[in-house]
Amino acid sequence: MTETRRPLTWADLTPREQMGLRIAVHESSHAIAGALLGGRVRSAVLTNSRVWGVDGLTTFDEVALGSSPAIAYAGPYGEARWLQGRRPSQRTMLALMRGSGHGDHREICAAAAQADVYGYGNTAAESRRTVPPLLERAWPAVINLATTIHREGEVTHDDVCKALGITDGGGSGSSQLASLKAGLRRVPPIAA
């Protein structure tokens, strides 16, 4: 007689494993948002060190001018969206900006300070308007890419394009990305 095993739940995971999943979604959100905004992802990495703990980093070869605050906001937003299972509350967003998203918060503040100097407008408010609908449309891609990051430890631009269902390479001239942003095209469903 074979015994069937029940699926793992969040409560079955250690705090370190829980953080690994959170950070994978966080970095995946940066990568997906960056690609949707016309950037080219160098890598999104998840590390698990005995010394430094669980951490992640997403880097880009290029990003569209002015998109850095939105890309920075996407990480904490995606993590909060995943934790709450719906659009996150302001309380959750503020808690993440003080926690795992503290580096992103610094980047958003730096961009806002630069915008004040050069008169670009309110970059933080623009990020709050831009990112939620963008990630909601691409949510299955965020989850699929996070799964790959968690399993492999690193993804590249090709992996991001695959998660988004993009075959033209992405970038600022991609008609497929424009269709995704406009809601005229769907991303592939969440893989089982």
C-alpha atoms as a PDB file:
ATOM      1  CA  MET A   1       0.000   0.000   0.000  1.00  0.00           C
ATOM      2  CA  THR A   2       1.423   3.365  -0.976  1.00  0.00           C
ATOM      3  CA  GLU A   3       0.865   6.303   1.254  1.00  0.00           C
ATOM      4  CA  THR A   4      -0.147   9.585  -0.369  1.00  0.00           C
ATOM      5  CA  ARG A   5       1.509  12.676   0.984  1.00  0.00           C
ATOM      6  CA  ARG A   6      -0.375  15.874   1.542  1.00  0.00           C
ATOM      7  CA  PRO A   7       0.902  19.015  -0.198  1.00  0.00           C
ATOM      8  CA  LEU A   8       3.179  21.293   1.785  1.00  0.00           C
ATOM      9  CA  THR A   9       1.622  24.363   3.305  1.00  0.00           C
ATOM     10  CA  TRP A  10       3.180  27.677   4.338  1.00  0.00           C
ATOM     11  CA  ALA A  11       3.161  26.498   7.982  1.00  0.00           C
ATOM     12  CA  ASP A  12       5.267  23.436   7.052  1.00  0.00           C
ATOM     13  CA  LEU A  13       8.151  25.638   5.884  1.00  0.00           C
ATOM     14  CA  THR A  14      10.950  26.943   8.055  1.00  0.00           C
ATOM     15  CA  PRO A  15      11.269  30.730   8.397  1.00  0.00           C
ATOM     16  CA  ARG A  16      14.311  30.610   6.080  1.00  0.00           C
ATOM     17  CA  GLU A  17      12.339  28.686   3.424  1.00  0.00           C
ATOM     18  CA  GLN A  18       9.466  31.152   3.749  1.00  0.00           C
ATOM     19  CA  MET A  19      11.865  34.049   3.237  1.00  0.00           C
ATOM     20  CA  GLY A  20      13.344  32.317   0.176  1.00  0.00           C
ATOM     21  CA  LEU A  21       9.905  32.161  -1.443  1.00  0.00           C
ATOM     22  CA  ARG A  22       9.154  35.772  -0.556  1.00  0.00           C
ATOM     23  CA  ILE A  23      12.438  37.001  -2.004  1.00  0.00           C
ATOM     24  CA  ALA A  24      11.962  34.925  -5.180  1.00  0.00           C
ATOM     25  CA  VAL A  25       8.604  36.654  -5.774  1.00  0.00           C
ATOM     26  CA  HIS A  26      10.166  40.027  -4.886  1.00  0.00           C
ATOM     27  CA  GLU A  27      13.002  39.650  -7.425  1.00  0.00           C
ATOM     28  CA  SER A  28      10.666  38.177 -10.027  1.00  0.00           C
ATOM     29  CA  SER A  29       8.456  41.270  -9.703  1.00  0.00           C
ATOM     30  CA  HIS A  30      11.439  43.563 -10.313  1.00  0.00           C
ATOM     31  CA  ALA A  31      12.426  41.556 -13.397  1.00  0.00           C
ATOM     32  CA  ILE A  32       8.922  41.332 -14.896  1.00  0.00           C
ATOM     33  CA  ALA A  33       8.166  45.021 -14.313  1.00  0.00           C
ATOM     34  CA  GLY A  34      11.560  46.039 -15.689  1.00  0.00           C
ATOM     35  CA  ALA A  35      11.036  44.013 -18.852  1.00  0.00           C
ATOM     36  CA  LEU A  36       7.468  45.298 -19.294  1.00  0.00           C
ATOM     37  CA  LEU A  37       8.759  48.852 -18.984  1.00  0.00           C
ATOM     38  CA  GLY A  38      11.236  48.239 -21.819  1.00  0.00           C
ATOM     39  CA  GLY A  39      14.322  47.166 -19.864  1.00  0.00           C
ATOM     40  CA  ARG A  40      16.680  44.299 -20.495  1.00  0.00           C
ATOM     41  CA  VAL A  41      17.267  42.067 -17.450  1.00  0.00           C
ATOM     42  CA  ARG A  42      20.851  40.959 -16.840  1.00  0.00           C
ATOM     43  CA  SER A  43      19.914  38.618 -13.995  1.00  0.00           C
ATOM     44  CA  ALA A  44      17.626  38.111 -11.036  1.00  0.00           C
ATOM     45  CA  VAL A  45      19.399  36.141  -8.323  1.00  0.00           C
ATOM     46  CA  LEU A  46      18.375  34.439  -5.083  1.00  0.00           C
ATOM     47  CA  THR A  47      21.152  33.627  -2.611  1.00  0.00           C
ATOM     48  CA  ASN A  48      20.989  31.546   0.540  1.00  0.00           C
ATOM     49  CA  SER A  49      24.129  32.069   2.591  1.00  0.00           C
ATOM     50  CA  ARG A  50      24.864  30.835   6.099  1.00  0.00           C
ATOM     51  CA  VAL A  51      26.530  34.164   6.818  1.00  0.00           C
ATOM     52  CA  TRP A  52      24.217  36.686   5.100  1.00  0.00           C
ATOM     53  CA  GLY A  53      20.961  34.712   5.047  1.00  0.00           C
ATOM     54  CA  VAL A  54      18.472  34.749   2.188  1.00  0.00           C
ATOM     55  CA  ASP A  55      18.836  37.691  -0.181  1.00  0.00           C
ATOM     56  CA  GLY A  56      18.164  38.636  -3.765  1.00  0.00           C
ATOM     57  CA  LEU A  57      19.241  41.100  -6.428  1.00  0.00           C
ATOM     58  CA  THR A  58      17.942  41.993  -9.870  1.00  0.00           C
ATOM     59  CA  THR A  59      20.214  43.817 -12.288  1.00  0.00           C
ATOM     60  CA  PHE A  60      19.553  45.271 -15.735  1.00  0.00           C
ATOM     61  CA  ASP A  61      21.685  45.816 -18.821  1.00  0.00           C
ATOM     62  CA  GLU A  62      19.422  48.734 -19.705  1.00  0.00           C
ATOM     63  CA  VAL A  63      16.246  50.373 -18.441  1.00  0.00           C
ATOM     64  CA  ALA A  64      13.967  52.947 -20.015  1.00  0.00           C
ATOM     65  CA  LEU A  65      14.559  56.518 -18.893  1.00  0.00           C
ATOM     66  CA  GLY A  66      12.490  57.299 -15.807  1.00  0.00           C
ATOM     67  CA  SER A  67      11.409  53.700 -15.131  1.00  0.00           C
ATOM     68  CA  SER A  68      13.780  53.015 -12.210  1.00  0.00           C
ATOM     69  CA  PRO A  69      11.347  54.122  -9.452  1.00  0.00           C
ATOM     70  CA  ALA A  70       8.583  51.879 -10.842  1.00  0.00           C
ATOM     71  CA  ILE A  71      10.982  48.939 -11.143  1.00  0.00           C
ATOM     72  CA  ALA A  72      12.127  49.507  -7.544  1.00  0.00           C
ATOM     73  CA  TYR A  73       8.506  49.716  -6.316  1.00  0.00           C
ATOM     74  CA  ALA A  74       7.574  46.494  -8.145  1.00  0.00           C
ATOM     75  CA  GLY A  75       9.637  44.242  -5.827  1.00  0.00           C
ATOM     76  CA  PRO A  76       7.944  45.174  -2.550  1.00  0.00           C
ATOM     77  CA  TYR A  77       4.560  45.407  -4.295  1.00  0.00           C
ATOM     78  CA  GLY A  78       4.885  41.896  -5.752  1.00  0.00           C
ATOM     79  CA  GLU A  79       6.028  40.457  -2.432  1.00  0.00           C
ATOM     80  CA  ALA A  80       3.129  42.127  -0.604  1.00  0.00           C
ATOM     81  CA  ARG A  81       0.671  40.994  -3.303  1.00  0.00           C
ATOM     82  CA  TRP A  82       1.889  37.424  -2.887  1.00  0.00           C
ATOM     83  CA  LEU A  83       1.711  37.524   0.923  1.00  0.00           C
ATOM     84  CA  GLN A  84      -1.816  38.932   0.990  1.00  0.00           C
ATOM     85  CA  GLY A  85      -3.154  37.058  -2.047  1.00  0.00           C
ATOM     86  CA  ARG A  86      -4.694  40.272  -3.363  1.00  0.00           C
ATOM     87  CA  ARG A  87      -3.818  43.901  -3.853  1.00  0.00           C
ATOM     88  CA  PRO A  88      -1.789  44.751  -0.728  1.00  0.00           C
ATOM     89  CA  SER A  89      -2.808  47.216   1.941  1.00  0.00           C
ATOM     90  CA  GLN A  90      -0.836  50.369   2.601  1.00  0.00           C
ATOM     91  CA  ARG A  91       0.146  48.945   5.999  1.00  0.00           C
ATOM     92  CA  THR A  92       1.736  45.880   4.370  1.00  0.00           C
ATOM     93  CA  MET A  93       3.542  48.026   1.799  1.00  0.00           C
ATOM     94  CA  LEU A  94       4.970  50.311   4.492  1.00  0.00           C
ATOM     95  CA  ALA A  95       6.109  47.311   6.548  1.00  0.00           C
ATOM     96  CA  LEU A  96       7.890  45.806   3.537  1.00  0.00           C
ATOM     97  CA  MET A  97       9.515  49.132   2.644  1.00  0.00           C
ATOM     98  CA  ARG A  98      11.046  49.097   6.131  1.00  0.00           C
ATOM     99  CA  GLY A  99      11.941  45.388   5.875  1.00  0.00           C
ATOM    100  CA  SER A 100      12.932  43.408   2.784  1.00  0.00           C
ATOM    101  CA  GLY A 101      12.277  46.395   0.504  1.00  0.00           C
ATOM    102  CA  HIS A 102      14.462  48.898   2.378  1.00  0.00           C
ATOM    103  CA  GLY A 103      16.937  49.130  -0.515  1.00  0.00           C
ATOM    104  CA  ASP A 104      14.087  49.690  -2.962  1.00  0.00           C
ATOM    105  CA  HIS A 105      12.681  52.403  -0.700  1.00  0.00           C
ATOM    106  CA  ARG A 106      16.042  54.196  -0.747  1.00  0.00           C
ATOM    107  CA  GLU A 107      16.108  54.038  -4.552  1.00  0.00           C
ATOM    108  CA  ILE A 108      12.573  55.425  -4.831  1.00  0.00           C
ATOM    109  CA  CYS A 109      13.473  58.260  -2.429  1.00  0.00           C
ATOM    110  CA  ALA A 110      16.645  59.036  -4.381  1.00  0.00           C
ATOM    111  CA  ALA A 111      14.683  59.162  -7.633  1.00  0.00           C
ATOM    112  CA  ALA A 112      12.099  61.434  -6.002  1.00  0.00           C
ATOM    113  CA  ALA A 113      14.841  63.780  -4.792  1.00  0.00           C
ATOM    114  CA  GLN A 114      16.370  63.892  -8.266  1.00  0.00           C
ATOM    115  CA  ALA A 115      12.927  64.522  -9.794  1.00  0.00           C
ATOM    116  CA  ASP A 116      12.411  67.467  -7.441  1.00  0.00           C
ATOM    117  CA  VAL A 117      15.710  68.966  -8.536  1.00  0.00           C
ATOM    118  CA  TYR A 118      15.062  68.487 -12.252  1.00  0.00           C
ATOM    119  CA  GLY A 119      11.271  68.996 -12.136  1.00  0.00           C
ATOM    120  CA  TYR A 120      10.211  65.534 -13.337  1.00  0.00           C
ATOM    121  CA  GLY A 121       7.162  65.227 -11.065  1.00  0.00           C
ATOM    122  CA  ASN A 122       6.177  62.860  -8.273  1.00  0.00           C
ATOM    123  CA  THR A 123       7.970  59.587  -9.106  1.00  0.00           C
ATOM    124  CA  ALA A 124       6.665  57.707  -6.035  1.00  0.00           C
ATOM    125  CA  ALA A 125       3.031  58.488  -6.883  1.00  0.00           C
ATOM    126  CA  GLU A 126       3.643  57.588 -10.513  1.00  0.00           C
ATOM    127  CA  SER A 127       5.099  54.223  -9.424  1.00  0.00           C
ATOM    128  CA  ARG A 128       2.040  53.531  -7.262  1.00  0.00           C
ATOM    129  CA  ARG A 129      -0.179  54.202 -10.299  1.00  0.00           C
ATOM    130  CA  THR A 130       1.916  52.282 -12.851  1.00  0.00           C
ATOM    131  CA  VAL A 131       3.013  49.093 -11.074  1.00  0.00           C
ATOM    132  CA  PRO A 132      -0.202  47.544  -9.669  1.00  0.00           C
ATOM    133  CA  PRO A 133      -2.095  47.209 -12.978  1.00  0.00           C
ATOM    134  CA  LEU A 134       1.088  46.137 -14.757  1.00  0.00           C
ATOM    135  CA  LEU A 135       1.824  43.321 -12.290  1.00  0.00           C
ATOM    136  CA  GLU A 136      -1.830  42.290 -12.015  1.00  0.00           C
ATOM    137  CA  ARG A 137      -1.938  41.663 -15.783  1.00  0.00           C
ATOM    138  CA  ALA A 138       1.361  39.780 -15.620  1.00  0.00           C
ATOM    139  CA  TRP A 139       0.810  37.983 -12.281  1.00  0.00           C
ATOM    140  CA  PRO A 140       1.045  34.422 -13.712  1.00  0.00           C
ATOM    141  CA  ALA A 141       4.419  35.385 -15.253  1.00  0.00           C
ATOM    142  CA  VAL A 142       5.613  36.744 -11.892  1.00  0.00           C
ATOM    143  CA  ILE A 143       4.757  33.433 -10.201  1.00  0.00           C
ATOM    144  CA  ASN A 144       6.254  31.278 -12.981  1.00  0.00           C
ATOM    145  CA  LEU A 145       9.481  33.300 -12.949  1.00  0.00           C
ATOM    146  CA  ALA A 146       9.638  33.201  -9.120  1.00  0.00           C
ATOM    147  CA  THR A 147       9.360  29.415  -9.308  1.00  0.00           C
ATOM    148  CA  THR A 148      12.338  29.317 -11.676  1.00  0.00           C
ATOM    149  CA  ILE A 149      14.348  31.730  -9.493  1.00  0.00           C
ATOM    150  CA  HIS A 150      13.605  29.645  -6.406  1.00  0.00           C
ATOM    151  CA  ARG A 151      14.535  26.387  -8.142  1.00  0.00           C
ATOM    152  CA  GLU A 152      17.562  27.560 -10.192  1.00  0.00           C
ATOM    153  CA  GLY A 153      18.847  30.472  -8.083  1.00  0.00           C
ATOM    154  CA  GLU A 154      19.155  32.802 -11.099  1.00  0.00           C
ATOM    155  CA  VAL A 155      17.273  33.854 -14.224  1.00  0.00           C
ATOM    156  CA  THR A 156      18.174  36.008 -17.228  1.00  0.00           C
ATOM    157  CA  HIS A 157      16.278  38.129 -19.747  1.00  0.00           C
ATOM    158  CA  ASP A 158      15.490  35.029 -21.819  1.00  0.00           C
ATOM    159  CA  ASP A 159      13.761  33.443 -18.813  1.00  0.00           C
ATOM    160  CA  VAL A 160      11.765  36.639 -18.248  1.00  0.00           C
ATOM    161  CA  CYS A 161      10.655  36.683 -21.899  1.00  0.00           C
ATOM    162  CA  LYS A 162       9.666  33.014 -21.655  1.00  0.00           C
ATOM    163  CA  ALA A 163       7.569  33.688 -18.522  1.00  0.00           C
ATOM    164  CA  LEU A 164       5.859  36.586 -20.311  1.00  0.00           C
ATOM    165  CA  GLY A 165       5.314  34.564 -23.490  1.00  0.00           C
ATOM    166  CA  ILE A 166       7.421  37.026 -25.486  1.00  0.00           C
ATOM    167  CA  THR A 167       9.171  35.683 -28.581  1.00  0.00           C
ATOM    168  CA  ASP A 168      10.477  38.923 -30.129  1.00  0.00           C
ATOM    169  CA  GLY A 169      13.199  39.485 -27.492  1.00  0.00           C
ATOM    170  CA  GLY A 170      11.417  42.231 -25.571  1.00  0.00           C
ATOM    171  CA  GLY A 171      12.985  45.643 -25.210  1.00  0.00           C
ATOM    172  CA  SER A 172      11.658  49.102 -25.940  1.00  0.00           C
ATOM    173  CA  GLY A 173      10.614  48.279 -29.530  1.00  0.00           C
ATOM    174  CA  SER A 174       8.717  45.067 -28.766  1.00  0.00           C
ATOM    175  CA  SER A 175       5.167  45.003 -30.112  1.00  0.00           C
ATOM    176  CA  GLN A 176       4.425  41.969 -27.933  1.00  0.00           C
ATOM    177  CA  LEU A 177       5.373  43.896 -24.773  1.00  0.00           C
ATOM    178  CA  ALA A 178       3.258  46.845 -25.923  1.00  0.00           C
ATOM    179  CA  SER A 179       0.302  44.484 -26.355  1.00  0.00           C
ATOM    180  CA  LEU A 180       0.846  43.049 -22.850  1.00  0.00           C
ATOM    181  CA  LYS A 181       1.021  46.520 -21.291  1.00  0.00           C
ATOM    182  CA  ALA A 182      -2.156  47.561 -23.101  1.00  0.00           C
ATOM    183  CA  GLY A 183      -4.015  44.439 -21.968  1.00  0.00           C
ATOM    184  CA  LEU A 184      -4.389  43.148 -25.543  1.00  0.00           C
ATOM    185  CA  ARG A 185      -2.325  40.028 -24.913  1.00  0.00           C
ATOM    186  CA  ARG A 186      -2.213  37.599 -21.982  1.00  0.00           C
ATOM    187  CA  VAL A 187       0.770  35.992 -20.321  1.00  0.00           C
ATOM    188  CA  PRO A 188       0.956  32.176 -20.135  1.00  0.00           C
ATOM    189  CA  PRO A 189      -0.978  30.675 -17.191  1.00  0.00           C
ATOM    190  CA  ILE A 190       0.651  29.638 -13.919  1.00  0.00           C
ATOM    191  CA  ALA A 191       2.460  26.333 -14.482  1.00  0.00           C
ATOM    192  CA  ALA A 192       1.254  23.447 -12.368  1.00  0.00           C
END
